[in-house]
Structures are given as structure tokens and as C-alpha cells.
Amino acid sequence: MMKVPTWKLAMLLIYSCTVASACMFIISLFFQWLPGSGVFNDFFGSHQLRIAFKMAVIGFVLGVLIWLSYYIPYRKKSLNR
């Protein structure tokens, strides 16, 4: 197995956390807006944003878990060599 530089592992962590949290934020706003699209529903209302930010935190944790699912097997294989 090739050795991956530390800076690439760090960039992968940053990328997975930001993309997962941004996707969860946008998807959360969309699914809150979707049921009420026939009536007046503020897309960027305070209640909707609060829920979307909570989902972004969950997305951040999901991004860390995605990164760990790559890093832990990589680390085990690199230590066994």
C-alpha cells in the first residue's frame, strides 16, 4: 500500500466534513420547504435555519465517520507492513 502524505489525509478530513455538513444543511432546508410550498413558508426562516444548522452538525459528525472509515483500515494496513 502506498503511503499517503499527512497533508492529504488532513485535506480529506476537511473535505469530508465540509461537504457532508453542507449537503445535510441544504437537504434539510429543502425537505422543510417542500411540504409547505403551497402556503407561505419562509425558506430561510429562523426556525428552518435552526433545524438546518443542527443537521449540519450531524453532517459534520457523519463526515468524521466517513473519514475514519477510510483512515482506520489504511492505518492498520500501513502498520502491518
N, C-alpha and C. Protein backbone atom coordinates (compact mmCIF):
# COMPACT_ATOMS: atom_id res chain seq x y z
N MET A 1 0.84 -1.18 0.00
CA MET A 1 0.00 0.00 0.00
C MET A 1 0.88 1.24 0.00
N MET A 2 0.51 2.20 -0.83
CA MET A 2 1.26 3.45 -0.90
C MET A 2 1.04 4.29 0.36
N LYS A 3 2.09 4.99 0.75
CA LYS A 3 1.95 5.90 1.89
C LYS A 3 1.33 7.20 1.40
N VAL A 4 0.29 7.60 2.08
CA VAL A 4 -0.40 8.84 1.75
C VAL A 4 0.17 9.94 2.64
N PRO A 5 0.56 11.08 2.07
CA PRO A 5 1.11 12.17 2.90
C PRO A 5 0.08 12.67 3.92
N THR A 6 0.60 13.16 5.02
CA THR A 6 -0.25 13.64 6.11
C THR A 6 -1.13 14.80 5.66
N TRP A 7 -0.62 15.68 4.82
CA TRP A 7 -1.42 16.82 4.40
C TRP A 7 -2.61 16.37 3.55
N LYS A 8 -2.45 15.27 2.81
CA LYS A 8 -3.59 14.76 2.03
C LYS A 8 -4.65 14.16 2.95
N LEU A 9 -4.22 13.50 4.02
CA LEU A 9 -5.18 12.97 4.99
C LEU A 9 -5.93 14.10 5.68
N ALA A 10 -5.22 15.17 6.00
CA ALA A 10 -5.87 16.33 6.64
C ALA A 10 -6.85 16.99 5.68
N MET A 11 -6.47 17.13 4.42
CA MET A 11 -7.37 17.73 3.43
C MET A 11 -8.60 16.85 3.20
N LEU A 12 -8.41 15.55 3.23
CA LEU A 12 -9.53 14.63 3.09
C LEU A 12 -10.50 14.77 4.26
N LEU A 13 -9.97 14.96 5.46
CA LEU A 13 -10.83 15.18 6.63
C LEU A 13 -11.62 16.47 6.50
N ILE A 14 -10.94 17.55 6.11
CA ILE A 14 -11.62 18.84 5.95
C ILE A 14 -12.68 18.75 4.86
N TYR A 15 -12.34 18.12 3.74
CA TYR A 15 -13.28 17.99 2.63
C TYR A 15 -14.50 17.17 3.03
N SER A 16 -14.29 16.04 3.68
CA SER A 16 -15.43 15.19 4.03
C SER A 16 -16.35 15.87 5.04
N CYS A 17 -15.77 16.62 5.98
CA CYS A 17 -16.60 17.30 6.98
C CYS A 17 -17.39 18.45 6.37
N THR A 18 -16.76 19.24 5.50
CA THR A 18 -17.48 20.38 4.93
C THR A 18 -18.53 19.95 3.92
N VAL A 19 -18.21 18.97 3.10
CA VAL A 19 -19.19 18.53 2.09
C VAL A 19 -20.38 17.85 2.75
N ALA A 20 -20.13 17.00 3.73
CA ALA A 20 -21.24 16.31 4.40
C ALA A 20 -22.13 17.30 5.14
N SER A 21 -21.53 18.28 5.83
CA SER A 21 -22.36 19.24 6.56
C SER A 21 -23.11 20.17 5.62
N ALA A 22 -22.49 20.59 4.51
CA ALA A 22 -23.19 21.44 3.56
C ALA A 22 -24.35 20.71 2.90
N CYS A 23 -24.14 19.46 2.54
CA CYS A 23 -25.22 18.67 1.94
C CYS A 23 -26.37 18.47 2.92
N MET A 24 -26.05 18.18 4.16
CA MET A 24 -27.11 18.00 5.15
C MET A 24 -27.87 19.31 5.38
N PHE A 25 -27.17 20.44 5.36
CA PHE A 25 -27.80 21.74 5.54
C PHE A 25 -28.79 22.02 4.41
N ILE A 26 -28.35 21.85 3.16
CA ILE A 26 -29.20 22.14 2.00
C ILE A 26 -30.36 21.16 1.91
N ILE A 27 -30.09 19.89 2.13
CA ILE A 27 -31.17 18.88 2.07
C ILE A 27 -32.20 19.13 3.15
N SER A 28 -31.74 19.52 4.35
CA SER A 28 -32.67 19.82 5.43
C SER A 28 -33.57 21.00 5.09
N LEU A 29 -32.98 22.08 4.55
CA LEU A 29 -33.79 23.23 4.15
C LEU A 29 -34.80 22.85 3.08
N PHE A 30 -34.37 22.06 2.12
CA PHE A 30 -35.26 21.66 1.03
C PHE A 30 -36.42 20.83 1.55
N PHE A 31 -36.16 19.85 2.41
CA PHE A 31 -37.24 19.00 2.89
C PHE A 31 -38.14 19.70 3.89
N GLN A 32 -37.69 20.77 4.51
CA GLN A 32 -38.59 21.56 5.35
C GLN A 32 -39.47 22.46 4.50
N TRP A 33 -38.96 22.91 3.36
CA TRP A 33 -39.70 23.79 2.49
C TRP A 33 -40.70 23.03 1.62
N LEU A 34 -40.37 21.80 1.25
CA LEU A 34 -41.16 21.01 0.32
C LEU A 34 -42.61 20.80 0.75
N PRO A 35 -42.90 20.37 1.99
CA PRO A 35 -44.31 20.15 2.35
C PRO A 35 -45.15 21.42 2.39
N GLY A 36 -44.53 22.56 2.66
CA GLY A 36 -45.30 23.78 2.78
C GLY A 36 -45.17 24.69 1.58
N SER A 37 -44.85 24.16 0.42
CA SER A 37 -44.64 25.03 -0.73
C SER A 37 -45.95 25.64 -1.25
N GLY A 38 -47.09 25.07 -0.90
CA GLY A 38 -48.37 25.62 -1.34
C GLY A 38 -48.78 26.84 -0.53
N VAL A 39 -48.31 26.93 0.69
CA VAL A 39 -48.61 28.07 1.56
C VAL A 39 -47.34 28.88 1.74
N PHE A 40 -47.48 30.06 2.37
CA PHE A 40 -46.30 30.88 2.61
C PHE A 40 -45.39 30.18 3.61
N ASN A 41 -44.20 29.84 3.15
CA ASN A 41 -43.22 29.20 4.01
C ASN A 41 -41.88 29.86 3.74
N ASP A 42 -41.35 30.53 4.72
CA ASP A 42 -40.09 31.24 4.57
C ASP A 42 -38.95 30.23 4.49
N PHE A 43 -38.26 30.20 3.34
CA PHE A 43 -37.20 29.22 3.11
C PHE A 43 -36.04 29.42 4.08
N PHE A 44 -35.69 30.69 4.36
CA PHE A 44 -34.60 30.99 5.29
C PHE A 44 -35.15 31.58 6.59
N GLY A 45 -36.25 31.03 7.08
CA GLY A 45 -36.81 31.48 8.35
C GLY A 45 -35.94 31.04 9.51
N SER A 46 -36.12 31.67 10.66
CA SER A 46 -35.26 31.38 11.81
C SER A 46 -35.43 29.93 12.29
N HIS A 47 -36.66 29.44 12.29
CA HIS A 47 -36.89 28.06 12.73
C HIS A 47 -36.27 27.06 11.76
N GLN A 48 -36.41 27.32 10.47
CA GLN A 48 -35.84 26.43 9.46
C GLN A 48 -34.31 26.43 9.52
N LEU A 49 -33.73 27.61 9.70
CA LEU A 49 -32.27 27.70 9.79
C LEU A 49 -31.72 27.00 11.03
N ARG A 50 -32.45 27.11 12.14
CA ARG A 50 -32.01 26.45 13.37
C ARG A 50 -31.96 24.94 13.18
N ILE A 51 -32.99 24.39 12.58
CA ILE A 51 -33.01 22.95 12.32
C ILE A 51 -31.93 22.57 11.30
N ALA A 52 -31.75 23.40 10.28
CA ALA A 52 -30.73 23.10 9.26
C ALA A 52 -29.33 23.15 9.86
N PHE A 53 -29.06 24.06 10.77
CA PHE A 53 -27.74 24.11 11.40
C PHE A 53 -27.51 22.89 12.28
N LYS A 54 -28.56 22.42 12.96
CA LYS A 54 -28.41 21.19 13.73
C LYS A 54 -28.12 20.00 12.83
N MET A 55 -28.75 19.97 11.67
CA MET A 55 -28.46 18.91 10.71
C MET A 55 -27.05 19.05 10.15
N ALA A 56 -26.55 20.26 10.03
CA ALA A 56 -25.17 20.47 9.56
C ALA A 56 -24.17 19.92 10.58
N VAL A 57 -24.48 20.05 11.85
CA VAL A 57 -23.61 19.47 12.88
C VAL A 57 -23.62 17.95 12.77
N ILE A 58 -24.78 17.38 12.53
CA ILE A 58 -24.87 15.94 12.32
C ILE A 58 -24.08 15.54 11.07
N GLY A 59 -24.14 16.37 10.03
CA GLY A 59 -23.36 16.12 8.82
C GLY A 59 -21.86 16.19 9.08
N PHE A 60 -21.44 17.10 9.97
CA PHE A 60 -20.03 17.18 10.34
C PHE A 60 -19.57 15.89 11.01
N VAL A 61 -20.39 15.38 11.92
CA VAL A 61 -20.06 14.12 12.59
C VAL A 61 -20.05 12.98 11.57
N LEU A 62 -20.98 13.00 10.65
CA LEU A 62 -21.01 12.00 9.59
C LEU A 62 -19.75 12.09 8.72
N GLY A 63 -19.28 13.28 8.44
CA GLY A 63 -18.05 13.46 7.69
C GLY A 63 -16.84 12.89 8.42
N VAL A 64 -16.79 13.08 9.74
CA VAL A 64 -15.71 12.48 10.52
C VAL A 64 -15.78 10.96 10.47
N LEU A 65 -16.98 10.41 10.56
CA LEU A 65 -17.13 8.95 10.49
C LEU A 65 -16.74 8.41 9.12
N ILE A 66 -17.07 9.15 8.06
CA ILE A 66 -16.67 8.73 6.71
C ILE A 66 -15.15 8.73 6.60
N TRP A 67 -14.51 9.77 7.15
CA TRP A 67 -13.05 9.83 7.10
C TRP A 67 -12.43 8.71 7.92
N LEU A 68 -12.99 8.43 9.08
CA LEU A 68 -12.46 7.35 9.91
C LEU A 68 -12.63 5.99 9.24
N SER A 69 -13.70 5.84 8.46
CA SER A 69 -13.88 4.56 7.76
C SER A 69 -12.81 4.35 6.69
N TYR A 70 -12.17 5.41 6.23
CA TYR A 70 -11.02 5.29 5.33
C TYR A 70 -9.72 5.18 6.12
N TYR A 71 -9.57 6.01 7.15
CA TYR A 71 -8.28 6.14 7.83
C TYR A 71 -7.94 4.91 8.67
N ILE A 72 -8.88 4.34 9.37
CA ILE A 72 -8.58 3.22 10.26
C ILE A 72 -8.07 2.00 9.47
N PRO A 73 -8.73 1.56 8.39
CA PRO A 73 -8.14 0.44 7.63
C PRO A 73 -6.80 0.81 6.99
N TYR A 74 -6.64 2.05 6.53
CA TYR A 74 -5.37 2.50 5.95
C TYR A 74 -4.27 2.41 6.99
N ARG A 75 -4.55 2.87 8.19
CA ARG A 75 -3.55 2.87 9.26
C ARG A 75 -3.17 1.44 9.66
N LYS A 76 -4.17 0.55 9.74
CA LYS A 76 -3.88 -0.84 10.11
C LYS A 76 -3.00 -1.51 9.05
N LYS A 77 -3.31 -1.26 7.77
CA LYS A 77 -2.51 -1.87 6.71
C LYS A 77 -1.10 -1.30 6.66
N SER A 78 -0.97 0.00 6.93
CA SER A 78 0.36 0.60 6.89
C SER A 78 1.22 0.19 8.09
N LEU A 79 0.61 -0.11 9.23
CA LEU A 79 1.37 -0.55 10.40
C LEU A 79 1.78 -2.01 10.29
N ASN A 80 1.01 -2.82 9.56
CA ASN A 80 1.33 -4.23 9.42
C ASN A 80 2.48 -4.48 8.46
N ARG A 81 2.87 -3.52 7.68
CA ARG A 81 3.97 -3.70 6.71
C ARG A 81 5.27 -3.69 7.39
